[in-house]
């Protein structure tokens, strides 16, 4: 499914021969052959037009961290988990 690799995609899961990627425009996930990704791609990387984009990956990591921080519930003082 080479059509899955058009535009911005994030690598979600890498296996021996296949990978799961998610299109960032729309959130559609699909499975592709691992050889269709750049050799240096890792889980979490953003891939654009067949190459890993470190800046886009860093922005995505920041965005996820900000969303997690907004969803975090503060622990009241004295409460142990």
C-alpha atoms as a PDB file:
ATOM      1  CA  UNK A   1       0.000   0.000   0.000  1.00  0.00           C
ATOM      2  CA  UNK A   2       2.376   2.672  -1.180  1.00  0.00           C
ATOM      3  CA  UNK A   3      -0.528   5.168  -1.093  1.00  0.00           C
ATOM      4  CA  UNK A   4      -0.267   5.127   2.677  1.00  0.00           C
ATOM      5  CA  UNK A   5       3.182   6.699   2.469  1.00  0.00           C
ATOM      6  CA  UNK A   6       2.056   9.822   0.627  1.00  0.00           C
ATOM      7  CA  UNK A   7       2.285  12.981   2.724  1.00  0.00           C
ATOM      8  CA  UNK A   8       3.030  13.012   6.447  1.00  0.00           C
ATOM      9  CA  UNK A   9       3.004   9.638   8.184  1.00  0.00           C
ATOM     10  CA  UNK A  10       4.158   8.580  11.621  1.00  0.00           C
ATOM     11  CA  UNK A  11       5.740   5.185  12.149  1.00  0.00           C
ATOM     12  CA  UNK A  12       3.782   3.465  14.903  1.00  0.00           C
ATOM     13  CA  UNK A  13       5.126  -0.079  14.895  1.00  0.00           C
ATOM     14  CA  UNK A  14       8.102  -1.737  13.234  1.00  0.00           C
ATOM     15  CA  UNK A  15       8.210  -5.485  12.779  1.00  0.00           C
ATOM     16  CA  UNK A  16      10.637  -7.703  10.884  1.00  0.00           C
ATOM     17  CA  UNK A  17       9.053  -7.301   7.446  1.00  0.00           C
ATOM     18  CA  UNK A  18       6.131  -4.915   7.977  1.00  0.00           C
ATOM     19  CA  UNK A  19       5.386  -1.620   9.643  1.00  0.00           C
ATOM     20  CA  UNK A  20       2.247   0.147  10.777  1.00  0.00           C
ATOM     21  CA  UNK A  21       2.070   3.828   9.894  1.00  0.00           C
ATOM     22  CA  UNK A  22      -0.531   6.479  10.623  1.00  0.00           C
ATOM     23  CA  UNK A  23      -1.330   9.273   8.217  1.00  0.00           C
ATOM     24  CA  UNK A  24      -1.164  12.505  10.192  1.00  0.00           C
ATOM     25  CA  UNK A  25      -3.795  14.091   7.952  1.00  0.00           C
ATOM     26  CA  UNK A  26      -6.818  12.108   9.024  1.00  0.00           C
ATOM     27  CA  UNK A  27      -5.368   9.509  11.363  1.00  0.00           C
ATOM     28  CA  UNK A  28      -5.797   6.517   9.066  1.00  0.00           C
ATOM     29  CA  UNK A  29      -3.521   3.616   9.988  1.00  0.00           C
ATOM     30  CA  UNK A  30      -2.239   1.071   7.509  1.00  0.00           C
ATOM     31  CA  UNK A  31       0.367  -1.642   7.183  1.00  0.00           C
ATOM     32  CA  UNK A  32       3.228  -1.287   4.706  1.00  0.00           C
ATOM     33  CA  UNK A  33       6.271  -3.334   3.852  1.00  0.00           C
ATOM     34  CA  UNK A  34       9.161  -2.218   6.025  1.00  0.00           C
ATOM     35  CA  UNK A  35      11.428  -1.811   3.004  1.00  0.00           C
ATOM     36  CA  UNK A  36       9.106   0.979   1.804  1.00  0.00           C
ATOM     37  CA  UNK A  37      10.284   3.101   4.760  1.00  0.00           C
ATOM     38  CA  UNK A  38      13.684   4.745   5.042  1.00  0.00           C
ATOM     39  CA  UNK A  39      16.301   2.390   6.504  1.00  0.00           C
ATOM     40  CA  UNK A  40      16.860   4.731   9.473  1.00  0.00           C
ATOM     41  CA  UNK A  41      13.158   5.045  10.395  1.00  0.00           C
ATOM     42  CA  UNK A  42      12.265   4.219  13.996  1.00  0.00           C
ATOM     43  CA  UNK A  43       8.982   3.974  15.864  1.00  0.00           C
ATOM     44  CA  UNK A  44       7.641   7.478  16.450  1.00  0.00           C
ATOM     45  CA  UNK A  45       9.440   9.045  13.483  1.00  0.00           C
ATOM     46  CA  UNK A  46       7.580  11.254  11.039  1.00  0.00           C
ATOM     47  CA  UNK A  47       8.266  10.350   7.411  1.00  0.00           C
ATOM     48  CA  UNK A  48       7.650  12.766   4.542  1.00  0.00           C
ATOM     49  CA  UNK A  49       8.045  11.722   0.920  1.00  0.00           C
ATOM     50  CA  UNK A  50      10.235   8.753   1.787  1.00  0.00           C
ATOM     51  CA  UNK A  51      12.600  10.433   4.246  1.00  0.00           C
ATOM     52  CA  UNK A  52      12.659  10.843   8.016  1.00  0.00           C
ATOM     53  CA  UNK A  53      11.979  14.435   9.072  1.00  0.00           C
ATOM     54  CA  UNK A  54      13.710  15.089  12.418  1.00  0.00           C
ATOM     55  CA  UNK A  55      12.067  18.511  12.878  1.00  0.00           C
ATOM     56  CA  UNK A  56       8.571  17.159  12.225  1.00  0.00           C
ATOM     57  CA  UNK A  57       9.293  14.262  14.587  1.00  0.00           C
ATOM     58  CA  UNK A  58      10.438  16.663  17.325  1.00  0.00           C
ATOM     59  CA  UNK A  59       7.332  18.823  16.854  1.00  0.00           C
ATOM     60  CA  UNK A  60       5.116  15.738  17.087  1.00  0.00           C
ATOM     61  CA  UNK A  61       6.843  14.644  20.312  1.00  0.00           C
ATOM     62  CA  UNK A  62       6.305  18.138  21.774  1.00  0.00           C
ATOM     63  CA  UNK A  63       2.652  18.143  20.736  1.00  0.00           C
ATOM     64  CA  UNK A  64       2.024  14.777  22.407  1.00  0.00           C
ATOM     65  CA  UNK A  65       3.826  15.904  25.584  1.00  0.00           C
ATOM     66  CA  UNK A  66       1.699  19.068  25.745  1.00  0.00           C
ATOM     67  CA  UNK A  67      -1.519  17.086  25.338  1.00  0.00           C
ATOM     68  CA  UNK A  68      -0.472  14.637  28.048  1.00  0.00           C
ATOM     69  CA  UNK A  69       0.374  17.525  30.375  1.00  0.00           C
ATOM     70  CA  UNK A  70      -3.081  19.060  29.845  1.00  0.00           C
ATOM     71  CA  UNK A  71      -4.717  15.731  30.656  1.00  0.00           C
ATOM     72  CA  UNK A  72      -2.601  15.082  33.738  1.00  0.00           C
ATOM     73  CA  UNK A  73      -4.357  15.255  37.084  1.00  0.00           C
ATOM     74  CA  UNK A  74      -2.257  16.770  39.854  1.00  0.00           C
ATOM     75  CA  UNK A  75      -1.759  14.609  42.935  1.00  0.00           C
ATOM     76  CA  UNK A  76      -2.818  16.402  46.126  1.00  0.00           C
ATOM     77  CA  UNK A  77      -0.074  16.929  48.729  1.00  0.00           C
ATOM     78  CA  UNK A  78       0.216  14.009  51.144  1.00  0.00           C
ATOM     79  CA  UNK A  79      -1.477  11.495  48.820  1.00  0.00           C
ATOM     80  CA  UNK A  80       0.729   8.556  47.973  1.00  0.00           C
ATOM     81  CA  UNK A  81       0.037   6.417  44.958  1.00  0.00           C
END
